Protein backbone atom coordinates (compact mmCIF):
# COMPACT_ATOMS: atom_id res chain seq x y z
CA MET A 1 -23.39 69.46 -30.07
CA GLU A 2 -27.21 68.47 -29.90
CA ASN A 3 -29.11 69.40 -33.61
CA LYS A 4 -32.16 71.67 -31.59
CA PRO A 5 -34.63 72.77 -34.53
CA GLU A 6 -35.18 75.74 -36.32
CA ARG A 7 -37.84 78.40 -36.38
CA HIS A 8 -39.35 79.35 -38.90
CA ILE A 9 -42.32 81.82 -39.71
CA ILE A 10 -44.75 82.87 -41.94
CA SER A 11 -47.75 85.35 -41.33
CA ALA A 12 -50.31 87.69 -43.46
CA SER A 13 -51.86 91.22 -42.59
CA ALA A 14 -54.61 92.83 -43.83
CA ILE A 15 -56.70 96.08 -42.78
CA ILE A 16 -60.33 94.96 -41.73
CA PRO A 17 -62.33 97.34 -42.09
CA ALA A 18 -64.39 96.65 -38.68
CA ARG A 19 -63.05 97.58 -34.81
CA ARG A 20 -60.01 95.93 -32.82
CA GLU A 21 -62.91 94.83 -30.52
CA ARG A 22 -65.81 93.67 -33.12
CA VAL A 23 -62.10 91.85 -35.06
CA TYR A 24 -60.72 90.10 -31.42
CA SER A 25 -64.82 88.63 -30.40
CA LEU A 26 -64.99 87.18 -33.56
CA LEU A 27 -60.86 85.69 -33.15
CA ALA A 28 -61.44 84.97 -29.74
CA ASN A 29 -64.66 83.41 -29.67
CA TYR A 30 -64.34 79.76 -30.90
CA ASN A 31 -67.67 78.31 -30.88
CA ASP A 32 -69.34 80.93 -32.96
CA GLY A 33 -67.22 83.33 -34.59
CA HIS A 34 -63.68 81.56 -35.58
CA PRO A 35 -65.53 78.86 -37.47
CA ARG A 36 -67.34 81.08 -39.88
CA LEU A 37 -63.88 82.68 -40.13
CA LEU A 38 -62.18 79.50 -41.48
CA PRO A 39 -61.36 78.77 -44.91
CA LYS A 40 -62.00 75.30 -47.16
CA GLN A 41 -58.97 73.83 -45.57
CA PHE A 42 -60.20 73.16 -41.94
CA SER A 43 -62.78 71.64 -41.09
CA ASN A 44 -64.27 68.94 -37.50
CA LEU A 45 -63.47 71.85 -35.50
CA VAL A 46 -64.32 71.18 -31.54
CA VAL A 47 -63.75 73.30 -28.97
CA GLU A 48 -62.67 70.74 -25.83
CA GLN A 49 -63.07 73.34 -23.09
CA GLY A 50 -63.94 76.60 -22.79
CA GLY A 51 -64.72 78.52 -25.65
CA ILE A 52 -63.91 81.99 -25.47
CA GLY A 53 -60.44 83.63 -25.30
CA ALA A 54 -57.80 81.92 -22.57
CA GLY A 55 -57.55 78.09 -21.34
CA THR A 56 -60.13 77.29 -25.06
CA VAL A 57 -58.83 73.51 -25.88
CA ILE A 58 -59.98 73.00 -29.19
CA ARG A 59 -58.99 70.15 -31.98
CA PHE A 60 -59.73 70.60 -35.56
CA GLU A 61 -58.01 69.30 -39.01
CA MET A 62 -56.49 70.59 -41.90
CA SER A 63 -56.30 69.90 -45.55
CA PHE A 64 -52.63 69.52 -46.83
CA LEU A 65 -52.08 68.21 -50.54
CA GLY A 66 -55.41 65.69 -50.47
CA LYS A 67 -54.32 64.79 -46.67
CA LYS A 68 -56.21 65.38 -43.44
CA GLN A 69 -53.83 66.04 -40.32
CA PRO A 70 -55.22 66.40 -37.17
CA PHE A 71 -53.82 69.58 -34.91
CA ARG A 72 -55.10 70.46 -31.29
CA ALA A 73 -54.56 73.53 -29.48
CA ALA A 74 -54.68 75.43 -25.78
CA VAL A 75 -55.74 79.25 -25.92
CA SER A 76 -53.95 81.72 -24.45
CA GLU A 77 -54.85 86.23 -24.74
CA PRO A 78 -51.08 87.76 -23.71
CA GLU A 79 -52.19 91.09 -24.70
CA PRO A 80 -56.33 90.16 -24.69
CA GLY A 81 -58.15 91.98 -27.10
CA ARG A 82 -55.07 92.71 -28.53
CA VAL A 83 -52.67 89.30 -29.12
CA LEU A 84 -54.26 85.49 -29.17
CA VAL A 85 -52.25 82.39 -28.98
CA GLU A 86 -53.81 79.30 -30.25
CA THR A 87 -50.55 76.81 -29.31
CA TYR A 88 -50.29 73.61 -31.35
CA LEU A 89 -49.63 70.36 -28.39
CA ASP A 90 -48.48 67.54 -31.11
CA ASN A 91 -45.68 69.91 -32.83
CA GLY A 92 -45.20 72.78 -30.65
CA ALA A 93 -45.95 75.36 -33.41
CA VAL A 94 -47.54 78.72 -32.41
CA THR A 95 -50.75 80.78 -34.15
CA THR A 96 -50.75 84.65 -32.70
CA PHE A 97 -53.25 86.76 -33.64
CA THR A 98 -52.99 90.54 -33.94
CA ILE A 99 -54.49 92.76 -33.56
CA ASP A 100 -53.76 96.58 -33.96
CA PRO A 101 -54.98 99.62 -34.80
CA GLY A 102 -55.52 100.46 -38.53
CA SER A 103 -54.94 103.95 -40.47
CA ALA A 104 -57.74 104.95 -39.60
CA PRO A 105 -59.98 105.22 -36.27
CA ALA A 106 -63.12 102.26 -37.42
CA ASP A 107 -60.11 100.49 -39.25
CA SER A 108 -57.74 96.49 -38.07
CA ARG A 109 -54.58 96.07 -39.65
CA VAL A 110 -54.64 91.94 -38.07
CA THR A 111 -51.60 89.90 -38.43
CA ILE A 112 -52.28 85.62 -38.12
CA SER A 113 -48.81 84.38 -38.19
CA THR A 114 -47.02 81.02 -37.13
CA GLU A 115 -44.44 80.09 -35.85
CA LEU A 116 -43.25 75.95 -36.84
CA PRO A 117 -40.11 74.43 -36.01
CA VAL A 118 -38.34 72.75 -38.95
CA ARG A 119 -35.09 70.53 -39.55
CA ALA A 120 -31.41 72.22 -39.88
CA GLY A 121 -30.32 71.99 -43.12
CA PHE A 122 -31.76 71.16 -46.43
CA PRO A 123 -34.14 69.51 -45.42
CA GLY A 124 -35.52 72.51 -43.10
CA LYS A 125 -34.94 74.90 -46.47
CA ILE A 126 -37.22 71.87 -48.40
CA GLU A 127 -39.82 72.38 -44.90
CA ARG A 128 -39.82 76.50 -44.86
CA THR A 129 -40.76 76.06 -48.86
CA LEU A 130 -43.62 74.30 -48.59
CA SER A 131 -44.59 75.25 -45.43
CA THR A 132 -44.94 78.85 -46.44
CA LEU A 133 -46.29 78.12 -50.03
CA MET A 134 -49.49 76.55 -48.24
CA LEU A 135 -49.76 78.09 -45.24
CA ARG A 136 -50.05 81.92 -46.96
CA PRO A 137 -53.08 81.66 -49.10
CA ILE A 138 -54.76 79.97 -45.78
CA TYR A 139 -53.84 82.95 -43.88
CA LYS A 140 -55.03 85.59 -47.22
CA LYS A 141 -58.02 83.60 -46.92
CA GLU A 142 -59.32 84.18 -43.87
CA LEU A 143 -58.46 87.51 -43.68
CA GLU A 144 -61.30 88.14 -47.17
CA ASN A 145 -63.11 86.05 -44.69
CA LEU A 146 -63.16 88.01 -41.05
CA ALA A 147 -62.66 91.14 -42.87
CA ARG A 148 -66.65 89.96 -44.95
CA VAL A 149 -67.48 88.45 -41.32
CA ALA A 150 -66.60 91.53 -39.13
CA THR A 151 -68.13 94.09 -41.65
CA GLY A 152 -72.00 92.25 -41.68
CA PRO A 153 -74.67 92.27 -40.11
CA PHE A 154 -73.29 90.86 -35.92
CA GLY A 155 -75.40 88.08 -36.73
CA SER A 156 -73.67 87.26 -40.59
């Protein structure tokens, strides 16, 4: 029997006090909007092709435990205006940004969710624990940044 990697999902959600269109346009704009939302663990974001929404290809580095790791991703929009997906070309992980209505008309509920391949058994348990401990606080900070940028003036 083939030892197929398991999948592990890490996510964080927040209510953003801004309209869905505004939130989505910030997330989908990799030239100007998305870079302003990234926490300090992200660096050297480069748009290789496109720049807004589907068809965009990006590369960046992310710091884990003092080490920078390169990533390259293709962006798709399975539900334009609601769901934006980054598929990482090197490891098969997928990060999804989902924007749903909040409780008030001018609010948005944003969820950042990453599905990672992990090994089975005890090594996979360690991978799941470490990836959750590292990524969830990063996503919470990204959501805080999104709330700040989305509620500020359009130029900020």
